[in-house]
Amino acid sequence: MKSWNYFVSGICVLFLISICGSVRGQDPAPSSANVTAPISSNPSSPDPSNATSRPVRPGDSFVIGDDDVLSINVWKEPELSKQIPVRSDGKISLPLAGDLQASGRTPSQLAQDITTKLKNYITDPEVTVIVEQINSRKFNMIGQVGRPGSYPLNVGTTIMDAIAAAGGLRDFAKKKSIYILRQNASGTEQRIPFNYEKFIKGNDPSQNILLKPHDTIVVP
């Protein structure tokens, strides 16, 4: 009986060995956890290595005005490099270059004007012009406000911003009769009404327009 049991056990062992051998000979099925999908490149996406960009230089399109303060740098010429305010006549004075028209010119245009003047004295002058202080862009507040006067005009300044900068309205201000005086390019003057009470109540938010240089806000 024992010999029969030994025989059966031997048969079972041989059967298991043959099964394991056949399994090892097959390639295992790929597991989804081990499969990495190829990354496809998007032809519409720009290649950073091929991108060309030009640094934006502040002042490239800014038009210089009276009272603006300019920083003029002439490479390797420290005696010519200085900060200069634009005079009320719109001009600046620079050694060797003399008087130059600055008002109405962009910084790059003025730099070219200075370069042309200096070529008579310096070989290949390199000139840069930077607007250090913008004093020409102003608006005026007159009438029944806390602090009437002239204020620098920053980007995005609205009528309400201007009133707040001037200390708000006085007690007896005619809030419904505020208006802006604006000089048009043709030389004519435009009067733009602003009803403070309507705006505060939310009835006409569109009237809180952006200010332009030399606007005058009148608060009767």
Protein backbone atom coordinates (compact mmCIF):
# COMPACT_ATOMS: atom_id res chain seq x y z
CA MET A 1 0.00 0.00 0.00
CA LYS A 2 2.83 2.36 0.88
CA SER A 3 4.46 1.69 -2.48
CA TRP A 4 1.22 2.67 -4.23
CA ASN A 5 1.15 5.97 -2.36
CA TYR A 6 4.78 6.64 -3.30
CA PHE A 7 3.95 5.97 -6.93
CA VAL A 8 0.98 8.40 -6.95
CA SER A 9 3.04 11.10 -5.22
CA GLY A 10 5.76 10.74 -7.81
CA ILE A 11 3.27 11.13 -10.64
CA CYS A 12 1.90 14.31 -9.04
CA VAL A 13 5.36 15.82 -8.64
CA LEU A 14 6.25 15.12 -12.27
CA PHE A 15 2.96 16.70 -13.38
CA LEU A 16 3.60 19.89 -11.39
CA ILE A 17 7.14 20.19 -12.76
CA SER A 18 5.89 19.96 -16.33
CA ILE A 19 3.22 22.62 -15.71
CA CYS A 20 5.75 25.08 -14.20
CA GLY A 21 8.14 24.58 -17.10
CA SER A 22 5.48 25.38 -19.66
CA VAL A 23 4.46 28.54 -17.79
CA ARG A 24 8.06 29.81 -17.63
CA GLY A 25 8.44 29.34 -21.38
CA GLN A 26 5.58 31.79 -22.12
CA ASP A 27 5.94 35.59 -22.15
CA PRO A 28 3.91 37.16 -19.37
CA ALA A 29 0.92 39.22 -20.43
CA PRO A 30 1.64 42.91 -20.24
CA SER A 31 0.22 44.60 -17.17
CA SER A 32 -1.50 47.88 -17.60
CA ALA A 33 0.51 49.24 -14.69
CA ASN A 34 3.77 48.63 -16.53
CA VAL A 35 2.74 49.97 -19.96
CA THR A 36 3.92 53.49 -20.69
CA ALA A 37 2.15 55.25 -23.53
CA PRO A 38 4.44 57.19 -25.87
CA ILE A 39 4.26 60.95 -25.43
CA SER A 40 3.16 62.50 -28.69
CA SER A 41 4.41 65.98 -29.51
CA ASN A 42 1.78 68.58 -30.32
CA PRO A 43 2.79 70.29 -33.56
CA SER A 44 0.78 73.34 -32.62
CA SER A 45 2.75 73.91 -29.42
CA PRO A 46 5.76 76.19 -29.86
CA ASP A 47 9.19 74.77 -29.28
CA PRO A 48 10.84 76.87 -26.55
CA SER A 49 14.25 76.28 -28.10
CA ASN A 50 13.08 77.89 -31.34
CA ALA A 51 11.13 80.75 -29.79
CA THR A 52 12.48 84.20 -30.28
CA SER A 53 11.43 86.97 -27.94
CA ARG A 54 12.30 90.63 -27.68
CA PRO A 55 12.46 92.07 -24.19
CA VAL A 56 9.97 94.86 -23.79
CA ARG A 57 11.82 98.06 -22.95
CA PRO A 58 9.72 100.42 -20.85
CA GLY A 59 9.26 103.67 -22.69
CA ASP A 60 9.46 102.32 -26.26
CA SER A 61 6.12 103.95 -27.11
CA PHE A 62 5.88 106.54 -24.33
CA VAL A 63 5.87 110.13 -25.51
CA ILE A 64 8.03 112.42 -23.38
CA GLY A 65 6.40 115.55 -22.00
CA ASP A 66 7.34 118.73 -20.15
CA ASP A 67 8.66 118.22 -16.59
CA ASP A 68 9.45 114.54 -17.15
CA VAL A 69 12.81 113.51 -15.66
CA LEU A 70 15.08 111.60 -18.05
CA SER A 71 18.07 109.42 -17.31
CA ILE A 72 20.54 109.69 -20.20
CA ASN A 73 23.41 107.25 -20.37
CA VAL A 74 26.27 107.46 -22.87
CA TRP A 75 28.37 104.31 -22.71
CA LYS A 76 31.89 104.95 -21.39
CA GLU A 77 31.16 108.68 -21.16
CA PRO A 78 30.25 109.31 -17.49
CA GLU A 79 30.49 113.09 -17.88
CA LEU A 80 27.66 112.92 -20.43
CA SER A 81 25.51 110.49 -18.42
CA LYS A 82 23.09 112.27 -16.10
CA GLN A 83 19.50 112.88 -15.07
CA ILE A 84 17.90 115.84 -16.79
CA PRO A 85 14.41 117.32 -16.37
CA VAL A 86 12.58 118.38 -19.50
CA ARG A 87 12.16 122.15 -19.43
CA SER A 88 8.87 123.98 -19.89
CA ASP A 89 9.88 124.68 -23.50
CA GLY A 90 10.11 120.93 -24.10
CA LYS A 91 13.88 120.86 -24.49
CA ILE A 92 16.90 119.48 -22.63
CA SER A 93 20.53 120.59 -22.64
CA LEU A 94 23.38 118.08 -22.87
CA PRO A 95 27.13 118.75 -23.09
CA LEU A 96 28.43 118.54 -26.68
CA ALA A 97 24.92 117.86 -27.99
CA GLY A 98 23.50 121.24 -26.95
CA ASP A 99 19.74 121.85 -26.82
CA LEU A 100 17.52 119.06 -28.06
CA GLN A 101 13.76 118.76 -28.38
CA ALA A 102 12.57 116.12 -25.92
CA SER A 103 8.86 116.81 -25.53
CA GLY A 104 6.85 114.93 -28.15
CA ARG A 105 9.65 112.41 -28.76
CA THR A 106 9.81 108.81 -27.55
CA PRO A 107 12.87 107.76 -25.53
CA SER A 108 14.25 105.78 -28.48
CA GLN A 109 13.78 108.75 -30.83
CA LEU A 110 15.51 111.09 -28.40
CA ALA A 111 18.36 108.61 -27.96
CA GLN A 112 18.82 108.60 -31.74
CA ASP A 113 18.81 112.42 -31.81
CA ILE A 114 21.50 112.55 -29.12
CA THR A 115 23.54 109.90 -30.92
CA THR A 116 23.47 111.91 -34.14
CA LYS A 117 24.68 115.02 -32.31
CA LEU A 118 27.46 113.20 -30.46
CA LYS A 119 28.86 111.55 -33.59
CA ASN A 120 30.64 114.82 -34.29
CA TYR A 121 32.71 114.34 -31.13
CA ILE A 122 32.58 110.63 -30.18
CA THR A 123 33.20 107.54 -32.29
CA ASP A 124 30.13 105.28 -32.37
CA PRO A 125 28.35 106.69 -29.30
CA GLU A 126 25.87 104.35 -27.60
CA VAL A 127 23.04 106.27 -25.97
CA THR A 128 20.09 105.09 -23.89
CA VAL A 129 17.26 107.25 -22.57
CA ILE A 130 15.03 106.14 -19.69
CA VAL A 131 12.09 108.08 -18.26
CA GLU A 132 12.77 108.13 -14.53
CA GLN A 133 9.81 110.28 -13.48
CA ILE A 134 6.61 110.90 -15.41
CA ASN A 135 5.49 114.38 -14.44
CA SER A 136 3.82 115.38 -17.71
CA ARG A 137 0.87 113.01 -17.29
CA LYS A 138 -1.30 114.87 -14.80
CA PHE A 139 -4.93 115.68 -14.11
CA ASN A 140 -6.41 118.62 -12.23
CA MET A 141 -8.99 118.72 -9.45
CA ILE A 142 -10.73 122.02 -8.76
CA GLY A 143 -13.75 123.04 -6.73
CA GLN A 144 -15.37 121.42 -3.71
CA VAL A 145 -12.87 118.67 -2.93
CA GLY A 146 -10.64 118.14 0.07
CA ARG A 147 -7.36 118.96 -1.69
CA PRO A 148 -7.69 120.78 -5.02
CA GLY A 149 -4.61 120.69 -7.21
CA SER A 150 -2.67 118.80 -9.85
CA TYR A 151 -2.08 115.06 -9.48
CA PRO A 152 0.03 112.51 -11.39
CA LEU A 153 -2.02 110.38 -13.73
CA ASN A 154 -1.34 106.69 -13.27
CA VAL A 155 -2.52 103.93 -15.59
CA GLY A 156 -6.17 103.07 -14.98
CA THR A 157 -7.11 106.19 -12.97
CA THR A 158 -10.89 106.78 -13.02
CA ILE A 159 -12.97 109.75 -11.91
CA MET A 160 -13.67 108.08 -8.56
CA ASP A 161 -9.95 107.39 -8.10
CA ALA A 162 -9.28 111.08 -8.72
CA ILE A 163 -11.91 112.21 -6.22
CA ALA A 164 -10.49 109.87 -3.59
CA ALA A 165 -6.92 111.11 -4.26
CA ALA A 166 -8.13 114.68 -3.75
CA GLY A 167 -9.56 113.90 -0.33
CA GLY A 168 -13.17 113.31 -1.37
CA LEU A 169 -16.04 115.73 -1.85
CA ARG A 170 -16.80 118.54 0.56
CA ASP A 171 -20.14 118.78 2.34
CA PHE A 172 -21.63 121.39 0.01
CA ALA A 173 -20.39 119.87 -3.26
CA LYS A 174 -23.03 119.57 -5.98
CA LYS A 175 -22.69 115.83 -6.48
CA LYS A 176 -25.01 115.70 -9.47
CA SER A 177 -23.19 118.44 -11.40
CA ILE A 178 -19.57 117.23 -11.51
CA TYR A 179 -17.96 117.30 -14.94
CA ILE A 180 -14.65 116.76 -16.74
CA LEU A 181 -13.07 119.28 -19.08
CA ARG A 182 -11.06 117.47 -21.75
CA GLN A 183 -8.96 118.93 -24.53
CA ASN A 184 -9.48 117.07 -27.82
CA ALA A 185 -6.81 116.57 -30.45
CA SER A 186 -8.55 119.17 -32.63
CA GLY A 187 -8.06 121.78 -29.93
CA THR A 188 -11.71 121.91 -28.90
CA GLU A 189 -12.83 121.37 -25.31
CA GLN A 190 -15.22 118.60 -24.34
CA ARG A 191 -17.42 118.63 -21.25
CA ILE A 192 -18.20 115.18 -19.81
CA PRO A 193 -20.83 115.06 -17.01
CA PHE A 194 -20.47 112.83 -13.94
CA ASN A 195 -23.35 112.24 -11.53
CA TYR A 196 -21.74 111.15 -8.26
CA GLU A 197 -25.05 110.27 -6.58
CA LYS A 198 -26.12 108.01 -9.46
CA PHE A 199 -22.79 106.22 -9.44
CA ILE A 200 -22.83 105.63 -5.68
CA LYS A 201 -26.31 104.09 -5.98
CA GLY A 202 -25.07 101.82 -8.78
CA ASN A 203 -27.44 103.27 -11.39
CA ASP A 204 -24.81 104.28 -13.97
CA PRO A 205 -21.38 102.68 -13.34
CA SER A 206 -20.28 103.26 -16.95
CA GLN A 207 -19.86 107.00 -16.31
CA ASN A 208 -16.78 106.31 -14.14
CA ILE A 209 -14.51 106.64 -17.15
CA LEU A 210 -10.71 106.56 -17.32
CA LEU A 211 -8.98 109.91 -17.16
CA LYS A 212 -6.63 111.22 -19.83
CA PRO A 213 -3.61 113.50 -19.42
CA HIS A 214 -4.55 117.13 -18.68
CA ASP A 215 -8.18 116.32 -17.80
CA THR A 216 -9.68 118.77 -15.31
CA ILE A 217 -12.37 117.53 -12.94
CA VAL A 218 -14.65 120.35 -11.80
CA VAL A 219 -16.68 119.88 -8.61
CA PRO A 220 -19.08 122.84 -8.24
